[in-house]
Protein backbone atom coordinates (compact mmCIF):
# COMPACT_ATOMS: atom_id res chain seq x y z
CA UNK A 1 -67.75 -17.00 20.60
CA UNK A 2 -66.31 -14.28 22.84
CA UNK A 3 -68.34 -11.62 24.56
CA UNK A 4 -65.58 -9.04 23.94
CA UNK A 5 -64.15 -8.11 20.71
CA UNK A 6 -61.18 -5.69 20.32
CA UNK A 7 -61.06 -2.85 17.71
CA UNK A 8 -58.37 -2.76 15.16
CA UNK A 9 -56.77 0.59 13.94
CA UNK A 10 -59.14 0.93 10.95
CA UNK A 11 -62.19 0.69 13.12
CA UNK A 12 -61.40 4.00 15.15
CA UNK A 13 -61.62 7.40 13.36
CA UNK A 14 -60.96 10.66 15.30
CA UNK A 15 -62.37 13.83 13.57
CA UNK A 16 -61.97 17.43 15.01
CA UNK A 17 -64.55 20.05 14.45
CA UNK A 18 -65.19 23.52 15.62
CA UNK A 19 -68.19 24.60 17.64
CA UNK A 20 -69.37 28.12 18.57
CA UNK A 21 -71.48 29.52 21.27
CA UNK A 22 -73.03 33.05 21.43
CA UNK A 23 -72.46 35.15 24.49
CA UNK A 24 -74.28 38.36 25.35
CA UNK A 25 -73.71 40.41 28.43
CA UNK A 26 -75.70 43.67 29.12
CA UNK A 27 -74.49 45.98 31.65
CA UNK A 28 -71.23 46.38 33.59
CA UNK A 29 -72.54 44.10 36.31
CA UNK A 30 -73.26 41.28 33.90
CA UNK A 31 -69.78 41.59 32.22
CA UNK A 32 -67.73 41.78 35.63
CA UNK A 33 -70.06 38.98 37.03
CA UNK A 34 -68.93 36.70 34.32
CA UNK A 35 -65.38 37.51 34.68
CA UNK A 36 -65.01 40.20 31.91
CA UNK A 37 -62.83 43.05 33.17
CA UNK A 38 -62.50 46.48 31.89
CA UNK A 39 -59.35 48.63 32.14
CA UNK A 40 -58.06 52.13 31.13
CA UNK A 41 -54.51 52.48 30.18
CA UNK A 42 -52.88 55.88 30.39
CA UNK A 43 -49.45 57.14 29.12
CA UNK A 44 -48.46 59.01 32.40
CA UNK A 45 -45.01 60.65 33.04
CA UNK A 46 -42.59 57.87 34.13
CA UNK A 47 -40.81 60.28 36.35
CA UNK A 48 -43.88 60.89 38.42
CA UNK A 49 -45.15 57.32 38.28
CA UNK A 50 -45.91 55.49 41.45
CA UNK A 51 -47.05 52.03 41.27
CA UNK A 52 -50.64 51.50 42.35
CA UNK A 53 -51.42 55.27 42.53
CA UNK A 54 -53.68 55.28 39.47
CA UNK A 55 -55.73 52.03 39.67
CA UNK A 56 -58.06 50.72 37.02
CA UNK A 57 -60.23 47.64 36.64
CA UNK A 58 -63.48 46.31 38.14
CA UNK A 59 -62.36 42.86 39.03
CA UNK A 60 -58.39 42.87 39.08
CA UNK A 61 -57.18 46.32 40.10
CA UNK A 62 -54.07 47.20 37.86
CA UNK A 63 -52.16 50.43 37.44
CA UNK A 64 -53.13 52.65 34.32
CA UNK A 65 -49.51 53.05 33.18
CA UNK A 66 -48.77 49.45 33.49
CA UNK A 67 -51.90 48.53 31.39
CA UNK A 68 -50.76 51.10 28.80
CA UNK A 69 -47.14 49.66 28.61
CA UNK A 70 -48.28 46.05 28.55
CA UNK A 71 -50.63 46.49 25.71
CA UNK A 72 -48.04 48.60 23.81
CA UNK A 73 -45.33 45.92 24.12
CA UNK A 74 -47.51 42.97 23.39
CA UNK A 75 -49.49 44.14 20.47
CA UNK A 76 -47.91 47.38 19.04
CA UNK A 77 -44.29 47.20 19.38
CA UNK A 78 -43.54 46.81 15.68
CA UNK A 79 -45.91 49.64 14.73
CA UNK A 80 -44.64 52.48 17.06
CA UNK A 81 -42.46 54.40 14.58
CA UNK A 82 -45.35 55.01 12.11
CA UNK A 83 -47.71 57.84 13.21
CA UNK A 84 -50.44 56.10 11.31
CA UNK A 85 -49.92 52.66 12.64
CA UNK A 86 -47.86 51.41 9.76
CA UNK A 87 -45.32 48.68 10.37
CA UNK A 88 -41.62 49.70 11.04
CA UNK A 89 -39.15 49.73 8.32
CA UNK A 90 -37.35 46.42 7.93
CA UNK A 91 -33.66 45.79 6.90
CA UNK A 92 -32.52 43.75 4.03
CA UNK A 93 -29.51 41.56 4.44
CA UNK A 94 -27.62 41.30 1.12
CA UNK A 95 -25.62 38.20 0.03
CA UNK A 96 -22.49 40.24 0.12
CA UNK A 97 -22.97 40.91 3.99
CA UNK A 98 -24.08 44.42 3.60
CA UNK A 99 -27.35 45.70 5.20
CA UNK A 100 -29.72 47.92 3.29
CA UNK A 101 -32.25 49.92 5.29
CA UNK A 102 -32.54 50.31 9.12
CA UNK A 103 -30.05 48.30 10.88
CA UNK A 104 -32.19 48.00 14.11
CA UNK A 105 -35.63 46.66 13.51
CA UNK A 106 -37.98 45.47 16.14
CA UNK A 107 -39.03 41.90 15.61
CA UNK A 108 -41.74 41.33 18.18
CA UNK A 109 -44.70 38.92 17.55
CA UNK A 110 -47.68 41.23 17.85
CA UNK A 111 -50.43 38.50 17.30
CA UNK A 112 -51.69 39.72 13.87
CA UNK A 113 -55.04 38.47 12.83
CA UNK A 114 -54.50 38.43 9.07
CA UNK A 115 -51.50 37.86 6.61
CA UNK A 116 -52.49 41.11 4.95
CA UNK A 117 -50.43 44.31 5.72
CA UNK A 118 -51.76 45.44 9.09
CA UNK A 119 -52.16 48.93 10.48
CA UNK A 120 -52.10 49.22 14.21
CA UNK A 121 -52.31 52.78 15.47
CA UNK A 122 -51.40 53.40 19.16
CA UNK A 123 -51.41 56.75 20.87
CA UNK A 124 -48.00 57.66 22.25
CA UNK A 125 -48.59 61.28 23.40
CA UNK A 126 -48.36 62.14 27.13
CA UNK A 127 -51.65 61.55 29.08
CA UNK A 128 -53.23 59.69 26.18
CA UNK A 129 -55.69 56.81 27.00
CA UNK A 130 -56.52 53.36 25.70
CA UNK A 131 -59.29 51.14 26.60
CA UNK A 132 -58.87 47.35 27.30
CA UNK A 133 -61.71 44.69 27.67
CA UNK A 134 -60.31 41.45 28.76
CA UNK A 135 -62.50 38.23 28.36
CA UNK A 136 -61.44 35.19 30.22
CA UNK A 137 -60.50 32.00 28.27
CA UNK A 138 -63.12 29.94 30.04
CA UNK A 139 -65.68 32.01 28.13
CA UNK A 140 -64.13 32.58 24.73
CA UNK A 141 -62.57 29.10 24.47
CA UNK A 142 -59.64 28.88 21.93
CA UNK A 143 -60.52 32.27 20.38
CA UNK A 144 -63.23 34.73 19.62
CA UNK A 145 -64.89 33.80 16.36
CA UNK A 146 -63.93 36.46 13.78
CA UNK A 147 -66.62 38.98 12.79
CA UNK A 148 -68.87 38.26 15.85
CA UNK A 149 -67.64 40.80 18.48
CA UNK A 150 -70.01 43.62 19.05
CA UNK A 151 -69.69 46.37 21.86
CA UNK A 152 -72.51 48.60 22.26
CA UNK A 153 -72.93 51.68 24.50
CA UNK A 154 -74.99 55.01 24.58
CA UNK A 155 -73.30 56.51 21.48
CA UNK A 156 -73.33 53.60 19.10
CA UNK A 157 -71.65 50.16 18.36
CA UNK A 158 -68.20 49.00 17.73
CA UNK A 159 -67.99 45.81 15.59
CA UNK A 160 -65.34 43.64 14.63
CA UNK A 161 -64.68 43.37 10.88
CA UNK A 162 -63.32 39.78 10.85
CA UNK A 163 -59.72 41.04 10.39
CA UNK A 164 -58.92 42.05 13.89
CA UNK A 165 -60.11 45.69 13.29
CA UNK A 166 -62.64 47.37 15.66
CA UNK A 167 -64.87 49.67 13.70
CA UNK A 168 -67.08 52.59 14.90
CA UNK A 169 -68.96 54.45 12.25
CA UNK A 170 -66.56 53.42 9.35
CA UNK A 171 -63.60 54.39 11.29
CA UNK A 172 -61.02 52.16 12.96
CA UNK A 173 -60.82 52.73 16.64
CA UNK A 174 -58.93 49.66 17.89
CA UNK A 175 -58.01 46.13 17.52
CA UNK A 176 -59.22 42.78 18.68
CA UNK A 177 -56.83 39.99 19.69
CA UNK A 178 -59.00 36.82 18.95
CA UNK A 179 -56.68 34.28 20.63
CA UNK A 180 -56.29 36.22 23.85
CA UNK A 181 -59.95 37.63 24.10
CA UNK A 182 -58.55 41.21 24.27
CA UNK A 183 -60.39 44.12 22.85
CA UNK A 184 -58.21 47.30 22.61
CA UNK A 185 -59.59 50.73 21.88
CA UNK A 186 -56.89 53.11 20.80
CA UNK A 187 -58.62 56.14 19.38
CA UNK A 188 -60.19 58.56 21.68
CA UNK A 189 -62.69 61.27 20.85
CA UNK A 190 -63.60 60.22 17.36
CA UNK A 191 -66.85 62.10 16.38
CA UNK A 192 -69.62 59.85 15.11
CA UNK A 193 -70.20 61.94 11.90
CA UNK A 194 -66.97 61.64 10.21
CA UNK A 195 -63.87 60.31 12.00
CA UNK A 196 -60.64 62.34 12.47
CA UNK A 197 -60.77 66.04 11.64
CA UNK A 198 -64.48 66.29 11.76
CA UNK A 199 -65.61 69.85 12.82
CA UNK A 200 -69.18 70.75 13.78
CA UNK A 201 -69.32 73.92 11.53
CA UNK A 202 -71.27 76.77 13.10
CA UNK A 203 -70.52 75.57 16.58
CA UNK A 204 -67.43 75.92 18.73
CA UNK A 205 -67.80 72.32 19.93
CA UNK A 206 -65.48 69.83 18.26
CA UNK A 207 -67.11 66.61 17.10
CA UNK A 208 -70.42 65.41 18.24
CA UNK A 209 -72.19 64.44 21.45
CA UNK A 210 -72.11 60.82 20.43
CA UNK A 211 -68.30 60.58 19.97
CA UNK A 212 -66.38 57.58 21.17
CA UNK A 213 -64.59 58.52 24.39
CA UNK A 214 -62.84 55.69 26.11
CA UNK A 215 -63.25 56.85 29.68
CA UNK A 216 -67.02 57.05 29.14
CA UNK A 217 -67.21 53.81 27.47
CA UNK A 218 -65.34 51.77 30.09
CA UNK A 219 -67.23 53.52 32.81
CA UNK A 220 -70.63 53.09 31.15
CA UNK A 221 -73.38 51.19 32.96
CA UNK A 222 -75.25 50.53 29.72
CA UNK A 223 -72.45 48.76 27.89
CA UNK A 224 -73.41 45.50 26.07
CA UNK A 225 -70.86 43.02 24.78
CA UNK A 226 -71.46 40.04 22.60
CA UNK A 227 -69.34 37.58 20.69
CA UNK A 228 -69.08 33.92 19.66
CA UNK A 229 -66.65 31.59 21.34
CA UNK A 230 -64.77 28.84 19.58
CA UNK A 231 -63.89 25.33 20.94
CA UNK A 232 -62.54 22.34 19.18
CA UNK A 233 -64.46 19.06 19.92
CA UNK A 234 -63.07 15.71 18.91
CA UNK A 235 -65.46 13.21 17.66
CA UNK A 236 -64.31 9.63 17.80
CA UNK A 237 -66.19 7.03 15.52
CA UNK A 238 -65.95 3.44 16.42
CA UNK A 239 -67.09 0.91 13.88
CA UNK A 240 -68.38 -2.25 15.64
CA UNK A 241 -68.25 -5.05 13.05
CA UNK A 242 -70.20 -8.18 13.78
CA UNK A 243 -69.35 -11.23 11.45
CA UNK A 244 -72.17 -13.48 10.45
CA UNK A 245 -70.75 -16.08 12.86
CA UNK A 246 -70.21 -13.89 15.92
CA UNK A 247 -72.58 -12.89 18.71
CA UNK A 248 -75.25 -15.34 17.41
CA UNK A 249 -76.23 -16.35 20.92
CA UNK A 250 -78.37 -14.15 23.16
CA UNK A 251 -77.59 -13.72 26.85
CA UNK A 252 -81.03 -12.31 27.69
CA UNK A 253 -82.25 -14.16 30.72
CA UNK A 254 -85.85 -14.16 29.40
CA UNK A 255 -84.72 -16.96 26.93
CA UNK A 256 -84.22 -19.35 29.86
CA UNK A 257 -87.06 -21.77 30.55
CA UNK A 258 -88.02 -22.36 34.10
CA UNK A 259 -85.42 -21.37 36.79
CA UNK A 260 -82.78 -18.89 35.75
CA UNK A 261 -80.12 -21.40 37.09
CA UNK A 262 -81.39 -24.15 34.96
CA UNK A 263 -79.69 -23.06 31.74
CA UNK A 264 -82.37 -24.63 29.65
CA UNK A 265 -83.49 -22.49 26.76
CA UNK A 266 -87.06 -22.18 25.12
CA UNK A 267 -87.26 -24.22 22.00
CA UNK A 268 -87.67 -21.26 19.84
CA UNK A 269 -84.29 -20.03 20.92
CA UNK A 270 -82.42 -23.11 19.91
CA UNK A 271 -83.58 -23.36 16.26
CA UNK A 272 -81.25 -22.42 13.22
CA UNK A 273 -83.86 -19.80 12.35
CA UNK A 274 -83.29 -17.79 15.61
CA UNK A 275 -81.28 -14.59 15.31
CA UNK A 276 -80.74 -12.42 18.39
CA UNK A 277 -81.30 -8.64 18.39
CA UNK A 278 -78.80 -5.96 19.56
CA UNK A 279 -80.16 -3.10 21.72
CA UNK A 280 -77.03 -1.92 23.62
CA UNK A 281 -73.36 -1.87 22.82
CA UNK A 282 -70.78 -1.57 25.64
CA UNK A 283 -67.33 -0.07 25.22
CA UNK A 284 -64.65 -1.45 27.56
CA UNK A 285 -60.95 -0.49 28.28
CA UNK A 286 -58.11 -2.99 28.49
CA UNK A 287 -58.94 -3.97 32.03
CA UNK A 288 -62.56 -5.04 30.75
CA UNK A 289 -64.03 -2.14 32.64
CA UNK A 290 -67.11 -0.52 31.17
CA UNK A 291 -66.49 3.02 30.09
CA UNK A 292 -69.36 3.98 27.69
CA UNK A 293 -72.71 2.48 26.75
CA UNK A 294 -74.35 3.08 23.34
CA UNK A 295 -78.21 2.53 23.14
CA UNK A 296 -79.69 1.77 19.73
CA UNK A 297 -82.97 3.59 18.87
CA UNK A 298 -84.66 0.31 18.16
CA UNK A 299 -83.55 -3.39 18.29
CA UNK A 300 -81.36 -4.45 15.45
CA UNK A 301 -81.50 -8.08 14.23
CA UNK A 302 -78.14 -9.62 13.42
CA UNK A 303 -77.86 -11.37 10.10
CA UNK A 304 -76.61 -14.95 9.76
CA UNK A 305 -75.36 -14.52 6.20
CA UNK A 306 -73.52 -11.16 6.17
CA UNK A 307 -71.70 -8.79 8.49
CA UNK A 308 -73.43 -6.29 10.59
CA UNK A 309 -71.80 -2.80 11.19
CA UNK A 310 -72.86 -0.57 14.06
CA UNK A 311 -71.37 3.05 14.01
CA UNK A 312 -70.78 4.69 17.41
CA UNK A 313 -70.00 8.48 17.60
CA UNK A 314 -68.53 9.68 20.81
CA UNK A 315 -67.85 13.40 21.31
CA UNK A 316 -65.20 14.45 23.82
């Protein structure tokens, strides 16, 4: 009988599964204290642009123009030619070598959240602004769980529809890049009562007092952000099989009669009817070093006529 018994391939099973955790941060101090930064991007005149002259951010200070250009190139490059955020026209390469359609077509990877045709509007007018909320990966994990992102401030709530779209009062106002933890607000000054083109008749004021304005949202002290993070955990299952003729002798020192060095067992421990109990299983590496200990909820008697299987689940 050996104290150690090696596992074979069929004894070890590795199963990945996703786990989620809900985070809620209330107030700018709570967001920035956790590492979540907020930026405003602005399409300034390049001829007048001076690096660092128009800073934005609470934790890491960036230039508004660079924030604008970075977001545009990363997530909207293929959608700039359509005023409504539709994708650019693509060329068709025919078998005879001719090309139908636009010869030049952008082919950037814009991190789409769905295989359905996407619409990504991005403001390109001079002086227009975007809002960016950057969540660090040590909080959102591998990606933000779709459909869980909610951004609340004085004028209402912006919610993720599960397809990467940020919705404010039934109007799309931006995009959520799940795998990067980036929320982008691209529509500025949308009235709460009806979206683009809404006019408050009988008043000279366009829109409503609770419209979505990026600058006021990013600068709000009453902003609340909540979402679910996603992380893959790998559960390893070890099947410890004890044959009927294995581990049939106990090493518990209480079975020794008299001095612990005598090696003489009590009579009840030497009979054929005696079966030891298992209370603990140790997992060792190839160097016989103990790396994990599994405790059973109650002592398990070993059978002398059939195999005994002990299943150990280890989450990493």
